[in-house]
Every structure is written in C-alpha cells, then in structure tokens.
Amino acid sequence: MTTTKQSTWGATLRTTILLASLSGLLVLIGALIGGPSTAALFLGIALLINLGSYFFSDKLALKMSRAEPIEESEAPRLYQIVRELTTRADLPMPRLYMIPQDQPNAFATGRNPKHSAVAVTRGITKLLSEDELRGVLAHELAHVKHRDILIQSVAAAIGAAITYIAYMLMWFGDDESPLGLVGSLAMVLLAPIAASIIQLSISRQREYAADAGGAEICGNPESLASALLRLEQGAEAIPMKVNQAAEPLYIVKPFSGKGIAGLFSTHPPIEERVKRLRQMRPSLG
C-alpha cells in the first residue's frame, strides 16, 4: 500500500512540474513578444479558457463520444460493480453512460467527484470478464479521485493557447522585433512542439497514476493488467469512430499508435503499464 501511494504521489509531483513548465512556456512567449503586460494578457486568456473547460469539459466529452445515459434497470450488474468500488474508494456514485461502439473502451469525465461520469462502450461489456471490468472501472474512478479531468483540461487549454499564439506570430509577426527573424521562427515552430510534448507527458503520468490507484481500489492489479492486454487487442481489431480531441480520456488509445506514432501517443505503452501493475502484486497482497 505504501508503495502504491508513493507511486501516485510521485506521478502527481511530476504532473505539477509539467503543468508549471507549460504555464511558464506561455508566460515566456508573452514576455518575449511584448513584455510583462503581454505575458499577463496571455495568462488572463488562458484562465478564461480554463474556466470554460472546467465547467463544460464533461458535457463536451460525452457529446463528442455520443454517450447516452443508462439507468440501473438497463445495466444492474454494472451499477452494482461501480457502487461497490465507489464505496471502497470513498467516492460518490458517478453518472453512468453507454457509448454505442463495438470497440472495448471506457473513460471518466467531470470536474470533481460530485460532478463525475463514467462512460463505457458497448463492446467492453461483452469482451471483458467481470473481474477485468472491475479493474477498468476502478481505473476510471481513480481518475475521478485524482481530479485528472481538471488537470487535463488545464493542460489542453494552455497548450491550445500556445499553439494559437504561435500561429498568430507566423502570420502577423514582425521580423524587426527584438527576437529577430531566426528567433521568431524558432519560437513559432518550437513552442507548439514543446507544448505538445509537455501535454503528452502529463497525460501519460496521469494514466500510470490511475493504474496504480485503480489497482488499489479494486484490490487486484492483475484484473486491470489482464483487461489492458485484452483492450489493446480489441482496439487494434475493431475500429472506433471518435473525435480525436477526446482520445486522451480513454483507458486505451482508440487509434493505432504503433511505430513512430507511438512516440507522440497520449497513452503510455500497454506493456509498461502491465509490467508496473504486476510489480504491485506483492505490495497489495
């Protein structure tokens, strides 16, 4: 148990550092463009975007995934499992949704535990055993407990602001600015790349932390490890129609991420996730 908590706290610390780096990059761009006043303006814009994503991220995610609310009478066993896990995790019961897709997958959303939702695809309820489904749902509840949706929304908003500013500079930049032509081009090209890399790092750290937290909630790391392997196979075999903006939310990447594309994946490698989970068994045994 101690090892699991240390792992989760370590991931949280790394995420905090990455978020600070992302914010610092935005401030630096503002300072280079127009000094302290511009830097403050950029931060103000980012804060407004963050407020919008904070309050409406769950509605957007569910709409993008075409998720529909399900009543307990429609999925009594699913409700029972989630209710048992929320009791173990000391969390309120989330709203449950079904995504009409055959690919096995799931995600959680909501700005805090009181306003959370868990969505599962039709395919995941058919593919996984009950123990494996329990592991997946525990993973999603760990996201809720860690308030990962808020973290990802902040990261996405700041990253989007950096990219937008870079494009603005590309079209309206002044070659005679103190940065000079080379400096301007470097910032225009490198700032969005740096922002994307930081966002990917945040997403991967939160997945590792949710794996560890989910294993602790369900009490059996092997349930989640086995589920991840089967979900990866399902994602490769069954295509999924999903808005790419919602990709980081899912427990496994809905699109193929092999080869070079895997370097820029929002999700860490399944093999590494499974390895870490199976190393947890002695600490939870």
Protein backbone atom coordinates (compact mmCIF):
# COMPACT_ATOMS: atom_id res chain seq x y z
CA MET A 1 0.00 0.00 0.00
CA THR A 2 2.81 2.38 0.87
CA THR A 3 4.50 1.69 -2.47
CA THR A 4 1.26 2.45 -4.32
CA LYS A 5 0.77 5.75 -2.51
CA GLN A 6 4.40 6.74 -3.13
CA SER A 7 3.95 5.97 -6.85
CA THR A 8 0.76 8.05 -7.02
CA TRP A 9 2.31 10.98 -5.17
CA GLY A 10 5.37 10.78 -7.42
CA ALA A 11 3.18 10.96 -10.54
CA THR A 12 1.27 13.90 -9.04
CA LEU A 13 4.51 15.75 -8.34
CA ARG A 14 5.77 15.16 -11.88
CA THR A 15 2.42 16.33 -13.29
CA THR A 16 2.59 19.51 -11.20
CA ILE A 17 6.09 20.23 -12.52
CA LEU A 18 4.95 19.62 -16.10
CA LEU A 19 1.94 21.92 -15.68
CA ALA A 20 4.21 24.60 -14.26
CA SER A 21 6.50 24.15 -17.27
CA LEU A 22 3.56 24.54 -19.64
CA SER A 23 2.43 27.70 -17.87
CA GLY A 24 5.98 29.01 -17.81
CA LEU A 25 6.28 28.49 -21.57
CA LEU A 26 3.15 30.56 -22.13
CA VAL A 27 4.43 33.35 -19.90
CA LEU A 28 7.82 33.30 -21.64
CA ILE A 29 6.22 33.68 -25.05
CA GLY A 30 4.19 36.64 -23.80
CA ALA A 31 7.25 38.26 -22.26
CA LEU A 32 9.29 37.85 -25.44
CA ILE A 33 6.53 39.28 -27.60
CA GLY A 34 5.51 42.30 -25.60
CA GLY A 35 6.97 42.23 -22.12
CA PRO A 36 5.18 41.77 -18.78
CA SER A 37 1.89 43.27 -19.92
CA THR A 38 1.54 40.80 -22.81
CA ALA A 39 2.54 37.91 -20.57
CA ALA A 40 -0.21 38.91 -18.14
CA LEU A 41 -2.71 39.17 -21.01
CA PHE A 42 -1.86 35.64 -22.19
CA LEU A 43 -2.33 34.27 -18.72
CA GLY A 44 -5.68 36.03 -18.43
CA ILE A 45 -6.85 34.49 -21.71
CA ALA A 46 -5.69 31.05 -20.58
CA LEU A 47 -7.58 31.42 -17.31
CA LEU A 48 -10.80 32.23 -19.15
CA ILE A 49 -10.34 29.19 -21.38
CA ASN A 50 -9.63 27.07 -18.31
CA LEU A 51 -12.83 28.19 -16.61
CA GLY A 52 -14.85 27.18 -19.65
CA SER A 53 -13.17 23.79 -19.94
CA TYR A 54 -13.52 23.25 -16.18
CA PHE A 55 -17.29 23.69 -16.18
CA PHE A 56 -18.14 22.16 -19.56
CA SER A 57 -15.45 19.51 -20.22
CA ASP A 58 -17.73 16.65 -19.13
CA LYS A 59 -20.59 17.71 -21.40
CA LEU A 60 -18.24 18.13 -24.35
CA ALA A 61 -16.54 14.76 -23.79
CA LEU A 62 -19.84 12.89 -23.53
CA LYS A 63 -21.27 14.65 -26.59
CA MET A 64 -18.13 14.00 -28.68
CA SER A 65 -18.34 10.31 -27.79
CA ARG A 66 -22.12 10.14 -28.41
CA ALA A 67 -22.54 8.64 -24.95
CA GLU A 68 -26.07 8.05 -23.69
CA PRO A 69 -27.10 7.82 -20.00
CA ILE A 70 -28.05 4.35 -18.82
CA GLU A 71 -30.45 3.56 -16.00
CA GLU A 72 -29.81 0.92 -13.35
CA SER A 73 -32.63 -1.21 -14.74
CA GLU A 74 -30.74 -1.42 -18.06
CA ALA A 75 -27.39 -2.46 -16.54
CA PRO A 76 -27.91 -3.64 -12.95
CA ARG A 77 -24.60 -5.52 -12.73
CA LEU A 78 -22.62 -2.54 -13.99
CA TYR A 79 -24.27 -0.32 -11.38
CA GLN A 80 -23.57 -2.87 -8.65
CA ILE A 81 -19.85 -3.06 -9.51
CA VAL A 82 -19.47 0.72 -9.64
CA ARG A 83 -21.36 1.11 -6.36
CA GLU A 84 -19.08 -1.41 -4.65
CA LEU A 85 -15.96 0.31 -5.98
CA THR A 86 -17.10 3.81 -5.04
CA THR A 87 -17.73 2.58 -1.52
CA ARG A 88 -14.18 1.19 -1.35
CA ALA A 89 -12.76 4.43 -2.78
CA ASP A 90 -14.95 6.71 -0.61
CA LEU A 91 -16.40 8.40 -3.69
CA PRO A 92 -19.94 9.46 -4.61
CA MET A 93 -21.73 7.42 -7.25
CA PRO A 94 -20.96 8.82 -10.74
CA ARG A 95 -23.43 9.07 -13.59
CA LEU A 96 -23.09 6.10 -15.94
CA TYR A 97 -23.15 6.30 -19.73
CA MET A 98 -23.03 3.83 -22.61
CA ILE A 99 -21.14 4.58 -25.84
CA PRO A 100 -22.67 2.80 -28.88
CA GLN A 101 -19.34 1.46 -30.15
CA ASP A 102 -18.12 -2.13 -30.51
CA GLN A 103 -14.50 -1.34 -29.65
CA PRO A 104 -13.91 -2.13 -25.95
CA ASN A 105 -13.00 1.10 -24.16
CA ALA A 106 -14.03 3.45 -21.35
CA PHE A 107 -13.37 6.89 -19.90
CA ALA A 108 -14.24 9.11 -16.95
CA THR A 109 -15.04 12.80 -17.01
CA GLY A 110 -16.28 15.55 -14.71
CA ARG A 111 -14.65 18.45 -12.88
CA ASN A 112 -14.77 16.80 -9.45
CA PRO A 113 -16.10 13.63 -7.76
CA LYS A 114 -19.54 15.19 -7.17
CA HIS A 115 -19.91 16.01 -10.87
CA SER A 116 -18.35 12.90 -12.38
CA ALA A 117 -19.41 10.46 -15.07
CA VAL A 118 -18.07 7.12 -16.27
CA ALA A 119 -18.75 6.03 -19.83
CA VAL A 120 -18.18 2.51 -21.18
CA THR A 121 -18.55 1.24 -24.71
CA ARG A 122 -20.98 -1.47 -25.65
CA GLY A 123 -18.01 -3.59 -26.67
CA ILE A 124 -16.28 -3.56 -23.30
CA THR A 125 -19.29 -5.09 -21.56
CA LYS A 126 -19.18 -8.01 -24.00
CA LEU A 127 -15.41 -8.65 -24.10
CA LEU A 128 -14.19 -8.47 -20.52
CA SER A 129 -14.79 -10.81 -17.62
CA GLU A 130 -16.39 -9.34 -14.52
CA ASP A 131 -13.03 -9.11 -12.72
CA GLU A 132 -11.45 -7.35 -15.71
CA LEU A 133 -14.36 -4.94 -15.99
CA ARG A 134 -13.98 -4.24 -12.28
CA GLY A 135 -10.32 -3.34 -12.86
CA VAL A 136 -11.21 -0.96 -15.70
CA LEU A 137 -13.94 0.78 -13.70
CA ALA A 138 -11.57 1.11 -10.73
CA HIS A 139 -9.05 2.78 -13.07
CA GLU A 140 -11.69 5.29 -14.19
CA LEU A 141 -12.73 6.00 -10.62
CA ALA A 142 -9.07 6.64 -9.78
CA HIS A 143 -9.10 9.34 -12.47
CA VAL A 144 -12.12 10.85 -10.73
CA LYS A 145 -10.47 10.67 -7.32
CA HIS A 146 -7.26 12.28 -8.61
CA ARG A 147 -9.26 15.04 -10.39
CA ASP A 148 -7.43 14.22 -13.61
CA ILE A 149 -10.08 15.78 -15.84
CA LEU A 150 -9.33 19.19 -14.33
CA ILE A 151 -5.58 18.66 -14.82
CA GLN A 152 -6.00 17.57 -18.43
CA SER A 153 -8.38 20.45 -19.16
CA VAL A 154 -5.87 22.98 -17.83
CA ALA A 155 -3.05 21.39 -19.83
CA ALA A 156 -5.13 21.30 -23.01
CA ALA A 157 -6.24 24.92 -22.62
CA ILE A 158 -2.74 26.27 -22.07
CA GLY A 159 -1.35 24.11 -24.87
CA ALA A 160 -4.03 25.35 -27.25
CA ALA A 161 -3.27 28.97 -26.29
CA ILE A 162 0.44 28.45 -27.02
CA THR A 163 -0.29 26.90 -30.41
CA TYR A 164 -2.75 29.67 -31.31
CA ILE A 165 -0.26 32.37 -30.35
CA ALA A 166 2.44 30.66 -32.44
CA TYR A 167 0.15 30.68 -35.48
CA MET A 168 -0.64 34.35 -34.87
CA LEU A 169 3.07 35.13 -34.86
CA MET A 170 3.55 33.19 -38.08
CA TRP A 171 1.04 35.36 -39.93
CA PHE A 172 1.34 38.69 -38.14
CA GLY A 173 4.85 38.60 -36.65
CA ASP A 174 7.27 41.50 -37.03
CA ASP A 175 10.65 40.49 -38.43
CA GLU A 176 12.21 43.61 -36.93
CA SER A 177 11.22 42.66 -33.38
CA PRO A 178 13.97 42.17 -30.75
CA LEU A 179 13.78 38.46 -31.30
CA GLY A 180 14.95 38.76 -34.88
CA LEU A 181 13.83 36.59 -37.76
CA VAL A 182 15.61 33.44 -36.60
CA GLY A 183 14.34 33.77 -33.04
CA SER A 184 10.79 34.37 -34.24
CA LEU A 185 10.82 31.33 -36.49
CA ALA A 186 12.27 29.19 -33.72
CA MET A 187 9.53 30.21 -31.30
CA VAL A 188 6.79 29.74 -33.90
CA LEU A 189 7.99 26.24 -34.72
CA LEU A 190 9.25 25.01 -31.37
CA ALA A 191 6.68 26.44 -28.93
CA PRO A 192 3.75 24.24 -30.14
CA ILE A 193 6.03 21.18 -30.24
CA ALA A 194 7.23 21.84 -26.69
CA ALA A 195 3.65 22.37 -25.53
CA SER A 196 2.54 19.10 -27.17
CA ILE A 197 5.37 17.13 -25.59
CA ILE A 198 4.53 18.50 -22.14
CA GLN A 199 0.82 17.70 -22.64
CA LEU A 200 1.68 14.13 -23.67
CA SER A 201 3.88 13.74 -20.60
CA ILE A 202 1.05 14.92 -18.35
CA SER A 203 -1.42 12.52 -19.96
CA ARG A 204 0.96 9.57 -19.59
CA GLN A 205 1.75 10.35 -15.96
CA ARG A 206 -1.96 10.51 -15.13
CA GLU A 207 -2.53 7.11 -16.78
CA TYR A 208 0.19 5.49 -14.70
CA ALA A 209 -1.24 7.08 -11.55
CA ALA A 210 -4.77 5.93 -12.41
CA ASP A 211 -3.49 2.39 -13.00
CA ALA A 212 -1.89 2.36 -9.56
CA GLY A 213 -4.94 3.94 -7.93
CA GLY A 214 -7.32 1.62 -9.74
CA ALA A 215 -5.37 -1.45 -8.63
CA GLU A 216 -5.60 -0.21 -5.05
CA ILE A 217 -9.35 0.43 -5.31
CA CYS A 218 -10.21 -2.98 -6.74
CA GLY A 219 -7.54 -4.74 -4.70
CA ASN A 220 -6.26 -6.84 -7.60
CA PRO A 221 -3.68 -5.37 -10.04
CA GLU A 222 -3.94 -8.47 -12.25
CA SER A 223 -7.59 -7.68 -13.06
CA LEU A 224 -6.57 -4.38 -14.64
CA ALA A 225 -3.38 -5.80 -16.20
CA SER A 226 -5.36 -8.56 -17.93
CA ALA A 227 -8.03 -6.08 -19.02
CA LEU A 228 -5.44 -3.74 -20.59
CA LEU A 229 -3.99 -6.54 -22.70
CA ARG A 230 -7.42 -7.55 -23.96
CA LEU A 231 -8.44 -3.93 -24.57
CA GLU A 232 -5.31 -3.33 -26.64
CA GLN A 233 -6.15 -6.33 -28.81
CA GLY A 234 -9.72 -5.12 -29.16
CA ALA A 235 -8.62 -1.59 -30.11
CA GLU A 236 -6.37 -2.97 -32.85
CA ALA A 237 -9.04 -5.31 -34.23
CA ILE A 238 -12.13 -3.08 -34.02
CA PRO A 239 -12.13 0.48 -35.40
CA MET A 240 -13.77 3.22 -33.38
CA LYS A 241 -15.41 6.43 -34.54
CA VAL A 242 -14.38 9.04 -32.02
CA ASN A 243 -13.39 12.69 -32.05
CA GLN A 244 -9.60 12.80 -31.80
CA ALA A 245 -9.84 15.55 -29.18
CA ALA A 246 -11.40 13.01 -26.80
CA GLU A 247 -8.63 10.44 -27.32
CA PRO A 248 -6.66 11.21 -24.10
CA LEU A 249 -9.73 10.41 -21.99
CA TYR A 250 -9.96 6.73 -22.92
CA ILE A 251 -8.27 3.98 -20.91
CA VAL A 252 -6.54 2.71 -24.07
CA LYS A 253 -5.76 4.65 -27.22
CA PRO A 254 -8.73 4.29 -29.61
CA PHE A 255 -6.48 4.68 -32.66
CA SER A 256 -3.44 2.75 -33.78
CA GLY A 257 -0.27 4.05 -32.13
CA LYS A 258 2.44 1.72 -33.39
CA GLY A 259 5.87 2.78 -34.64
CA ILE A 260 6.81 6.46 -34.78
CA ALA A 261 3.23 7.49 -33.96
CA GLY A 262 3.66 5.82 -30.59
CA LEU A 263 6.32 8.37 -29.66
CA PHE A 264 3.61 11.05 -29.66
CA SER A 265 0.90 8.94 -28.06
CA THR A 266 -1.28 10.30 -25.29
CA HIS A 267 -1.04 6.89 -23.61
CA PRO A 268 2.00 5.05 -22.24
CA PRO A 269 2.82 1.63 -23.76
CA ILE A 270 0.47 -1.12 -22.60
CA GLU A 271 3.45 -3.41 -21.94
CA GLU A 272 4.91 -0.91 -19.47
CA ARG A 273 1.55 -0.36 -17.77
CA VAL A 274 1.06 -4.11 -17.36
CA LYS A 275 4.62 -4.52 -16.06
CA ARG A 276 4.09 -1.85 -13.39
CA LEU A 277 0.77 -3.34 -12.34
CA ARG A 278 2.22 -6.82 -11.95
CA GLN A 279 5.06 -5.42 -9.87
CA MET A 280 2.43 -4.09 -7.46
CA ARG A 281 1.08 -7.53 -6.54
CA PRO A 282 3.42 -8.11 -3.57
CA SER A 283 2.61 -4.67 -2.10
CA LEU A 284 -1.15 -5.30 -2.28
CA GLY A 285 -1.05 -8.94 -1.37
